[in-house]
Amino acid sequence: MLFKDAFLRAPFVSIDAEERGRAALDHILEAIARYRVAVGDLGFDELVKDFVRYHAAERFVEIISEASRRLPRPWKNDFPEIPWADVASIGNVLRHNYSIVDHLVIYGLQHDPFGELERVVQAMKLKYGS
């Protein structure tokens, strides 16, 4: 009952698509930074054994995925170097096929494929304001 009560008390805020997109840019950058903190310099075996840090990293990837869905299509079209469909779809895999997620996928992000995404999101912030 506590969960239901908390959910019902949560405020609903309606914002336009561009405002939602600007907030999503900040969420992506924050999740990338937090992913890096969670994973640190752990090796693969260390990360998999540390379930708290592993699942924190996985959650930050989900946030990046979900936030990417909130970016307006024209914004993403301006930056085709990012595989936006792949960024969005990894969240579905993590949410719906969690039992078959290869730990190497989450670990592999440690070696900075987020660098290009981070650069593009910063460019979007400059272009669209935030």
N, C-alpha and C. Protein backbone atom coordinates (compact mmCIF):
# COMPACT_ATOMS: atom_id res chain seq x y z
N MET A 1 0.81 -1.20 0.00
CA MET A 1 0.00 0.00 0.00
C MET A 1 0.86 1.26 0.00
N LEU A 2 2.04 1.21 0.61
CA LEU A 2 2.89 2.39 0.65
C LEU A 2 3.30 2.83 -0.74
N PHE A 3 3.64 1.88 -1.61
CA PHE A 3 4.04 2.22 -2.97
C PHE A 3 2.90 2.92 -3.69
N LYS A 4 1.70 2.36 -3.59
CA LYS A 4 0.55 2.95 -4.26
C LYS A 4 0.30 4.36 -3.75
N ASP A 5 0.37 4.57 -2.43
CA ASP A 5 0.16 5.89 -1.86
C ASP A 5 1.20 6.89 -2.35
N ALA A 6 2.45 6.47 -2.38
CA ALA A 6 3.52 7.35 -2.84
C ALA A 6 3.31 7.71 -4.31
N PHE A 7 2.90 6.74 -5.11
CA PHE A 7 2.68 6.98 -6.53
C PHE A 7 1.52 7.96 -6.74
N LEU A 8 0.48 7.79 -5.98
CA LEU A 8 -0.69 8.65 -6.13
C LEU A 8 -0.41 10.09 -5.69
N ARG A 9 0.51 10.26 -4.77
CA ARG A 9 0.85 11.61 -4.29
C ARG A 9 1.86 12.31 -5.19
N ALA A 10 2.49 11.57 -6.10
CA ALA A 10 3.51 12.18 -6.97
C ALA A 10 2.86 13.24 -7.84
N PRO A 11 3.49 14.41 -7.90
CA PRO A 11 2.89 15.49 -8.71
C PRO A 11 3.02 15.19 -10.20
N PHE A 12 2.01 15.57 -10.94
CA PHE A 12 2.05 15.44 -12.40
C PHE A 12 2.37 16.81 -12.96
N VAL A 13 3.42 16.86 -13.77
CA VAL A 13 3.83 18.12 -14.36
C VAL A 13 3.81 17.95 -15.87
N SER A 14 3.09 18.80 -16.54
CA SER A 14 3.02 18.75 -17.99
C SER A 14 4.00 19.76 -18.57
N ILE A 15 4.89 19.29 -19.46
CA ILE A 15 5.83 20.19 -20.10
C ILE A 15 5.82 19.93 -21.60
N ASP A 16 6.24 20.91 -22.37
CA ASP A 16 6.24 20.73 -23.83
C ASP A 16 7.43 19.87 -24.26
N ALA A 17 7.40 19.44 -25.50
CA ALA A 17 8.38 18.48 -26.01
C ALA A 17 9.81 19.03 -25.94
N GLU A 18 9.99 20.30 -26.24
CA GLU A 18 11.35 20.85 -26.20
C GLU A 18 11.87 20.97 -24.78
N GLU A 19 11.01 21.37 -23.87
CA GLU A 19 11.42 21.44 -22.46
C GLU A 19 11.75 20.05 -21.95
N ARG A 20 10.94 19.08 -22.34
CA ARG A 20 11.19 17.69 -21.96
C ARG A 20 12.52 17.21 -22.56
N GLY A 21 12.79 17.62 -23.79
CA GLY A 21 14.05 17.26 -24.43
C GLY A 21 15.25 17.86 -23.71
N ARG A 22 15.13 19.13 -23.32
CA ARG A 22 16.24 19.77 -22.60
C ARG A 22 16.50 19.07 -21.27
N ALA A 23 15.46 18.68 -20.57
CA ALA A 23 15.63 17.94 -19.32
C ALA A 23 16.29 16.59 -19.59
N ALA A 24 15.90 15.94 -20.68
CA ALA A 24 16.47 14.63 -21.03
C ALA A 24 17.96 14.74 -21.31
N LEU A 25 18.40 15.83 -21.91
CA LEU A 25 19.83 16.02 -22.15
C LEU A 25 20.60 16.01 -20.83
N ASP A 26 20.07 16.71 -19.85
CA ASP A 26 20.72 16.71 -18.53
C ASP A 26 20.70 15.33 -17.90
N HIS A 27 19.60 14.60 -18.07
CA HIS A 27 19.49 13.26 -17.50
C HIS A 27 20.51 12.32 -18.14
N ILE A 28 20.72 12.45 -19.44
CA ILE A 28 21.71 11.60 -20.12
C ILE A 28 23.11 11.88 -19.58
N LEU A 29 23.47 13.14 -19.49
CA LEU A 29 24.80 13.48 -19.01
C LEU A 29 25.02 13.03 -17.57
N GLU A 30 24.01 13.19 -16.74
CA GLU A 30 24.11 12.76 -15.35
C GLU A 30 24.25 11.23 -15.26
N ALA A 31 23.49 10.51 -16.07
CA ALA A 31 23.56 9.05 -16.04
C ALA A 31 24.90 8.54 -16.56
N ILE A 32 25.47 9.19 -17.56
CA ILE A 32 26.80 8.80 -18.04
C ILE A 32 27.83 8.99 -16.92
N ALA A 33 27.78 10.13 -16.26
CA ALA A 33 28.72 10.39 -15.17
C ALA A 33 28.55 9.38 -14.04
N ARG A 34 27.33 9.07 -13.71
CA ARG A 34 27.08 8.11 -12.61
C ARG A 34 27.46 6.69 -13.01
N TYR A 35 27.25 6.34 -14.27
CA TYR A 35 27.71 5.03 -14.77
C TYR A 35 29.21 4.91 -14.55
N ARG A 36 29.94 5.94 -14.92
CA ARG A 36 31.40 5.91 -14.78
C ARG A 36 31.83 5.76 -13.33
N VAL A 37 31.11 6.40 -12.42
CA VAL A 37 31.42 6.26 -10.99
C VAL A 37 31.11 4.83 -10.53
N ALA A 38 29.97 4.31 -10.94
CA ALA A 38 29.57 2.96 -10.51
C ALA A 38 30.56 1.90 -10.98
N VAL A 39 31.00 2.02 -12.22
CA VAL A 39 31.90 1.00 -12.79
C VAL A 39 33.35 1.26 -12.40
N GLY A 40 33.72 2.52 -12.34
CA GLY A 40 35.09 2.86 -11.97
C GLY A 40 36.09 2.15 -12.87
N ASP A 41 37.12 1.61 -12.26
CA ASP A 41 38.13 0.89 -13.02
C ASP A 41 38.08 -0.61 -12.75
N LEU A 42 36.88 -1.08 -12.40
CA LEU A 42 36.73 -2.51 -12.12
C LEU A 42 36.98 -3.34 -13.38
N GLY A 43 37.57 -4.49 -13.18
CA GLY A 43 37.67 -5.46 -14.26
C GLY A 43 36.32 -6.16 -14.42
N PHE A 44 36.21 -6.94 -15.49
CA PHE A 44 34.93 -7.62 -15.78
C PHE A 44 34.48 -8.49 -14.62
N ASP A 45 35.36 -9.38 -14.15
CA ASP A 45 34.98 -10.29 -13.05
C ASP A 45 34.60 -9.54 -11.79
N GLU A 46 35.34 -8.47 -11.49
CA GLU A 46 35.03 -7.68 -10.30
C GLU A 46 33.65 -7.02 -10.42
N LEU A 47 33.35 -6.50 -11.60
CA LEU A 47 32.06 -5.83 -11.79
C LEU A 47 30.91 -6.83 -11.66
N VAL A 48 31.04 -7.98 -12.28
CA VAL A 48 29.97 -8.98 -12.23
C VAL A 48 29.76 -9.48 -10.80
N LYS A 49 30.82 -9.60 -10.03
CA LYS A 49 30.71 -10.07 -8.64
C LYS A 49 30.12 -9.00 -7.72
N ASP A 50 30.31 -7.74 -8.06
CA ASP A 50 29.79 -6.64 -7.23
C ASP A 50 28.40 -6.28 -7.75
N PHE A 51 27.39 -7.03 -7.29
CA PHE A 51 26.04 -6.90 -7.85
C PHE A 51 25.47 -5.50 -7.66
N VAL A 52 25.85 -4.81 -6.60
CA VAL A 52 25.31 -3.47 -6.38
C VAL A 52 25.83 -2.51 -7.46
N ARG A 53 27.12 -2.53 -7.68
CA ARG A 53 27.69 -1.64 -8.70
C ARG A 53 27.25 -2.06 -10.10
N TYR A 54 27.18 -3.37 -10.35
CA TYR A 54 26.75 -3.84 -11.67
C TYR A 54 25.32 -3.36 -11.96
N HIS A 55 24.42 -3.57 -11.01
CA HIS A 55 23.03 -3.19 -11.25
C HIS A 55 22.84 -1.67 -11.26
N ALA A 56 23.68 -0.95 -10.54
CA ALA A 56 23.64 0.51 -10.63
C ALA A 56 24.03 0.93 -12.05
N ALA A 57 25.09 0.33 -12.57
CA ALA A 57 25.53 0.64 -13.94
C ALA A 57 24.42 0.32 -14.94
N GLU A 58 23.80 -0.82 -14.75
CA GLU A 58 22.70 -1.23 -15.64
C GLU A 58 21.56 -0.21 -15.59
N ARG A 59 21.25 0.24 -14.40
CA ARG A 59 20.16 1.23 -14.24
C ARG A 59 20.50 2.54 -14.95
N PHE A 60 21.76 2.97 -14.87
CA PHE A 60 22.14 4.21 -15.54
C PHE A 60 22.03 4.06 -17.05
N VAL A 61 22.31 2.87 -17.58
CA VAL A 61 22.13 2.62 -19.01
C VAL A 61 20.64 2.71 -19.36
N GLU A 62 19.78 2.18 -18.50
CA GLU A 62 18.33 2.29 -18.73
C GLU A 62 17.89 3.76 -18.77
N ILE A 63 18.44 4.57 -17.87
CA ILE A 63 18.07 5.99 -17.83
C ILE A 63 18.51 6.68 -19.11
N ILE A 64 19.71 6.38 -19.57
CA ILE A 64 20.19 6.96 -20.83
C ILE A 64 19.25 6.57 -21.96
N SER A 65 18.87 5.30 -22.00
CA SER A 65 17.98 4.81 -23.03
C SER A 65 16.64 5.54 -23.00
N GLU A 66 16.04 5.60 -21.83
CA GLU A 66 14.72 6.24 -21.70
C GLU A 66 14.80 7.73 -22.01
N ALA A 67 15.84 8.39 -21.53
CA ALA A 67 15.97 9.83 -21.79
C ALA A 67 16.17 10.09 -23.28
N SER A 68 16.85 9.19 -23.98
CA SER A 68 17.05 9.39 -25.42
C SER A 68 15.71 9.37 -26.17
N ARG A 69 14.76 8.63 -25.66
CA ARG A 69 13.43 8.57 -26.27
C ARG A 69 12.68 9.89 -26.13
N ARG A 70 13.08 10.69 -25.16
CA ARG A 70 12.40 11.96 -24.89
C ARG A 70 12.96 13.12 -25.70
N LEU A 71 14.01 12.85 -26.46
CA LEU A 71 14.57 13.90 -27.30
C LEU A 71 13.71 14.05 -28.55
N PRO A 72 13.39 15.28 -28.93
CA PRO A 72 12.58 15.47 -30.14
C PRO A 72 13.27 14.87 -31.37
N ARG A 73 12.50 14.26 -32.24
CA ARG A 73 13.03 13.62 -33.45
C ARG A 73 13.92 14.56 -34.27
N PRO A 74 13.51 15.84 -34.48
CA PRO A 74 14.38 16.73 -35.26
C PRO A 74 15.77 16.91 -34.64
N TRP A 75 15.84 16.91 -33.32
CA TRP A 75 17.14 17.03 -32.66
C TRP A 75 18.01 15.84 -33.00
N LYS A 76 17.42 14.65 -32.91
CA LYS A 76 18.19 13.43 -33.21
C LYS A 76 18.58 13.39 -34.68
N ASN A 77 17.70 13.87 -35.54
CA ASN A 77 18.01 13.90 -36.97
C ASN A 77 19.21 14.79 -37.27
N ASP A 78 19.41 15.82 -36.45
CA ASP A 78 20.56 16.71 -36.63
C ASP A 78 21.88 16.07 -36.23
N PHE A 79 21.82 14.94 -35.54
CA PHE A 79 23.02 14.26 -35.06
C PHE A 79 22.94 12.76 -35.40
N PRO A 80 23.00 12.45 -36.70
CA PRO A 80 22.84 11.05 -37.13
C PRO A 80 24.01 10.14 -36.78
N GLU A 81 25.11 10.70 -36.30
CA GLU A 81 26.25 9.86 -35.94
C GLU A 81 25.98 8.97 -34.72
N ILE A 82 24.94 9.29 -33.98
CA ILE A 82 24.54 8.45 -32.84
C ILE A 82 23.47 7.48 -33.32
N PRO A 83 23.63 6.19 -33.05
CA PRO A 83 22.59 5.22 -33.42
C PRO A 83 21.43 5.29 -32.43
N TRP A 84 20.59 6.30 -32.59
CA TRP A 84 19.53 6.59 -31.61
C TRP A 84 18.61 5.40 -31.38
N ALA A 85 18.30 4.65 -32.42
CA ALA A 85 17.42 3.49 -32.25
C ALA A 85 18.08 2.45 -31.34
N ASP A 86 19.38 2.26 -31.48
CA ASP A 86 20.09 1.31 -30.62
C ASP A 86 20.14 1.80 -29.17
N VAL A 87 20.37 3.10 -29.01
CA VAL A 87 20.40 3.67 -27.65
C VAL A 87 19.05 3.45 -26.98
N ALA A 88 17.98 3.70 -27.71
CA ALA A 88 16.64 3.52 -27.14
C ALA A 88 16.33 2.05 -26.89
N SER A 89 16.74 1.18 -27.79
CA SER A 89 16.34 -0.23 -27.68
C SER A 89 17.06 -0.99 -26.58
N ILE A 90 18.25 -0.55 -26.16
CA ILE A 90 18.93 -1.28 -25.09
C ILE A 90 18.10 -1.25 -23.80
N GLY A 91 17.34 -0.19 -23.62
CA GLY A 91 16.47 -0.12 -22.44
C GLY A 91 15.41 -1.21 -22.45
N ASN A 92 14.86 -1.49 -23.64
CA ASN A 92 13.87 -2.57 -23.75
C ASN A 92 14.49 -3.91 -23.39
N VAL A 93 15.70 -4.13 -23.85
CA VAL A 93 16.39 -5.39 -23.54
C VAL A 93 16.59 -5.51 -22.04
N LEU A 94 17.06 -4.43 -21.41
CA LEU A 94 17.32 -4.47 -19.97
C LEU A 94 16.04 -4.66 -19.16
N ARG A 95 14.95 -4.06 -19.62
CA ARG A 95 13.69 -4.16 -18.88
C ARG A 95 12.96 -5.48 -19.11
N HIS A 96 12.94 -5.92 -20.35
CA HIS A 96 12.08 -7.06 -20.70
C HIS A 96 12.82 -8.38 -20.87
N ASN A 97 14.11 -8.32 -21.14
CA ASN A 97 14.89 -9.55 -21.32
C ASN A 97 16.06 -9.59 -20.34
N TYR A 98 15.81 -9.08 -19.15
CA TYR A 98 16.85 -8.94 -18.14
C TYR A 98 17.58 -10.24 -17.83
N SER A 99 16.91 -11.36 -17.99
CA SER A 99 17.54 -12.64 -17.62
C SER A 99 18.57 -13.09 -18.64
N ILE A 100 18.59 -12.48 -19.82
CA ILE A 100 19.55 -12.90 -20.84
C ILE A 100 20.55 -11.80 -21.19
N VAL A 101 20.59 -10.73 -20.40
CA VAL A 101 21.53 -9.65 -20.69
C VAL A 101 22.95 -10.17 -20.48
N ASP A 102 23.76 -9.99 -21.48
CA ASP A 102 25.16 -10.37 -21.41
C ASP A 102 25.90 -9.31 -20.59
N HIS A 103 26.54 -9.73 -19.52
CA HIS A 103 27.26 -8.79 -18.66
C HIS A 103 28.32 -8.02 -19.44
N LEU A 104 28.80 -8.62 -20.53
CA LEU A 104 29.81 -7.94 -21.34
C LEU A 104 29.26 -6.66 -21.98
N VAL A 105 27.95 -6.62 -22.22
CA VAL A 105 27.36 -5.41 -22.81
C VAL A 105 27.51 -4.25 -21.83
N ILE A 106 27.14 -4.47 -20.59
CA ILE A 106 27.24 -3.41 -19.57
C ILE A 106 28.69 -3.08 -19.31
N TYR A 107 29.54 -4.08 -19.18
CA TYR A 107 30.96 -3.85 -18.93
C TYR A 107 31.61 -3.13 -20.11
N GLY A 108 31.24 -3.51 -21.32
CA GLY A 108 31.85 -2.94 -22.52
C GLY A 108 31.65 -1.45 -22.64
N LEU A 109 30.61 -0.94 -22.04
CA LEU A 109 30.37 0.50 -22.07
C LEU A 109 31.41 1.26 -21.25
N GLN A 110 32.10 0.54 -20.38
CA GLN A 110 33.13 1.13 -19.53
C GLN A 110 34.25 1.74 -20.37
N HIS A 111 34.48 1.18 -21.52
CA HIS A 111 35.60 1.63 -22.35
C HIS A 111 35.20 2.77 -23.26
N ASP A 112 34.30 3.55 -22.79
CA ASP A 112 33.89 4.85 -23.26
C ASP A 112 33.21 5.00 -24.61
N PRO A 113 32.33 4.08 -24.98
CA PRO A 113 31.49 4.41 -26.13
C PRO A 113 30.54 5.56 -25.80
N PHE A 114 30.44 5.89 -24.51
CA PHE A 114 29.62 7.03 -24.12
C PHE A 114 30.28 8.36 -24.51
N GLY A 115 31.56 8.33 -24.86
CA GLY A 115 32.26 9.56 -25.20
C GLY A 115 31.60 10.32 -26.34
N GLU A 116 31.25 9.62 -27.40
CA GLU A 116 30.60 10.26 -28.56
C GLU A 116 29.20 10.75 -28.18
N LEU A 117 28.46 9.93 -27.44
CA LEU A 117 27.13 10.34 -27.01
C LEU A 117 27.23 11.59 -26.14
N GLU A 118 28.16 11.59 -25.23
CA GLU A 118 28.34 12.74 -24.35
C GLU A 118 28.67 14.01 -25.16
N ARG A 119 29.54 13.88 -26.15
CA ARG A 119 29.90 15.01 -27.00
C ARG A 119 28.68 15.55 -27.74
N VAL A 120 27.88 14.64 -28.30
CA VAL A 120 26.69 15.04 -29.04
C VAL A 120 25.66 15.70 -28.12
N VAL A 121 25.46 15.15 -26.94
CA VAL A 121 24.49 15.73 -26.00
C VAL A 121 24.94 17.13 -25.59
N GLN A 122 26.24 17.32 -25.39
CA GLN A 122 26.74 18.66 -25.07
C GLN A 122 26.47 19.62 -26.24
N ALA A 123 26.67 19.13 -27.47
CA ALA A 123 26.39 19.95 -28.65
C ALA A 123 24.90 20.29 -28.75
N MET A 124 24.06 19.33 -28.41
CA MET A 124 22.61 19.57 -28.41
C MET A 124 22.25 20.64 -27.38
N LYS A 125 22.89 20.58 -26.21
CA LYS A 125 22.63 21.59 -25.19
C LYS A 125 22.98 22.98 -25.70
N LEU A 126 24.08 23.09 -26.41
CA LEU A 126 24.47 24.38 -26.97
C LEU A 126 23.48 24.85 -28.04
N LYS A 127 23.06 23.92 -28.88
CA LYS A 127 22.18 24.26 -30.00
C LYS A 127 20.75 24.57 -29.55
N TYR A 128 20.24 23.76 -28.63
CA TYR A 128 18.82 23.87 -28.25
C TYR A 128 18.60 24.52 -26.89
N GLY A 129 19.68 24.87 -26.22
CA GLY A 129 19.56 25.51 -24.92
C GLY A 129 19.22 24.55 -23.81
N SER A 130 19.79 24.79 -22.67
CA SER A 130 19.47 23.97 -21.51
C SER A 130 20.17 24.55 -20.30
